[in-house]
């Protein structure tokens, strides 16, 4: 769920910054032989769309043969 105020016409997410962050995480993962575990980053308060985030993960991590696990957190019951 996106929590934008009426003054915010666009979500605060910056996909270029997400890509840069994933690239940096990938660099560290490669040098330490680590895998990467995360939730659906950027899709909460940042207002991002998973359809745009997932390809960034694939390009910056999976394409570099870095094991990635994405956890979908349960939503709160109404």
Protein backbone atom coordinates (compact mmCIF):
# COMPACT_ATOMS: atom_id res chain seq x y z
CA UNK A 1 0.00 0.00 0.00
CA UNK A 2 1.33 3.39 -0.92
CA UNK A 3 1.12 6.13 1.70
CA UNK A 4 1.32 9.31 -0.39
CA UNK A 5 -0.06 12.55 0.93
CA UNK A 6 -2.23 14.76 -1.23
CA UNK A 7 0.78 17.06 -1.80
CA UNK A 8 2.88 14.23 -3.25
CA UNK A 9 1.97 13.85 -6.92
CA UNK A 10 4.66 11.22 -7.54
CA UNK A 11 6.08 8.49 -5.33
CA UNK A 12 9.37 9.33 -3.60
CA UNK A 13 11.16 6.28 -5.07
CA UNK A 14 14.15 6.86 -7.31
CA UNK A 15 14.72 3.76 -9.42
CA UNK A 16 18.21 4.90 -10.42
CA UNK A 17 19.14 5.01 -6.72
CA UNK A 18 17.66 1.53 -6.19
CA UNK A 19 19.75 0.25 -9.11
CA UNK A 20 22.90 1.87 -7.72
CA UNK A 21 22.23 0.39 -4.29
CA UNK A 22 21.66 -3.08 -5.70
CA UNK A 23 24.85 -2.80 -7.74
CA UNK A 24 26.80 -1.93 -4.61
CA UNK A 25 25.20 -4.79 -2.67
CA UNK A 26 26.15 -7.06 -5.56
CA UNK A 27 29.76 -5.89 -5.46
CA UNK A 28 30.00 -6.76 -1.77
CA UNK A 29 28.18 -10.08 -2.26
CA UNK A 30 30.66 -11.08 -4.96
CA UNK A 31 33.72 -10.23 -2.87
CA UNK A 32 32.36 -12.08 0.17
CA UNK A 33 30.61 -14.98 -1.61
CA UNK A 34 27.35 -13.93 0.03
CA UNK A 35 23.76 -14.44 -1.00
CA UNK A 36 21.25 -11.60 -0.79
CA UNK A 37 17.99 -11.81 1.17
CA UNK A 38 15.42 -9.01 1.14
CA UNK A 39 11.78 -8.10 1.29
CA UNK A 40 10.03 -6.45 -1.66
CA UNK A 41 12.22 -3.36 -1.38
CA UNK A 42 10.91 -0.02 -2.56
CA UNK A 43 7.27 -1.10 -2.70
CA UNK A 44 6.02 0.19 0.64
CA UNK A 45 6.27 3.81 1.73
CA UNK A 46 8.56 4.60 -1.21
CA UNK A 47 5.64 3.91 -3.56
CA UNK A 48 7.60 1.83 -6.06
CA UNK A 49 6.16 -0.82 -8.31
CA UNK A 50 7.44 -4.38 -8.03
CA UNK A 51 7.17 -4.70 -11.82
CA UNK A 52 9.96 -2.11 -12.05
CA UNK A 53 12.02 -3.28 -9.06
CA UNK A 54 12.19 -6.98 -9.96
CA UNK A 55 14.05 -6.41 -13.26
CA UNK A 56 16.60 -4.28 -11.41
CA UNK A 57 17.27 -7.16 -9.02
CA UNK A 58 17.59 -9.55 -11.95
CA UNK A 59 20.01 -7.25 -13.80
CA UNK A 60 22.17 -6.17 -10.86
CA UNK A 61 22.24 -9.39 -8.83
CA UNK A 62 20.88 -12.49 -10.56
CA UNK A 63 22.67 -11.77 -13.83
CA UNK A 64 25.91 -11.68 -11.84
CA UNK A 65 25.17 -15.18 -10.45
CA UNK A 66 24.44 -13.85 -6.97
CA UNK A 67 21.84 -15.98 -5.18
CA UNK A 68 18.83 -13.84 -4.24
CA UNK A 69 15.87 -14.63 -2.01
CA UNK A 70 12.96 -12.17 -1.83
CA UNK A 71 10.55 -12.57 1.05
CA UNK A 72 6.98 -11.38 0.78
CA UNK A 73 5.96 -10.20 4.21
CA UNK A 74 2.42 -10.99 5.34
CA UNK A 75 -0.03 -8.12 5.33
CA UNK A 76 -1.88 -7.16 8.47
CA UNK A 77 -5.41 -8.52 8.75
CA UNK A 78 -8.12 -5.88 8.78
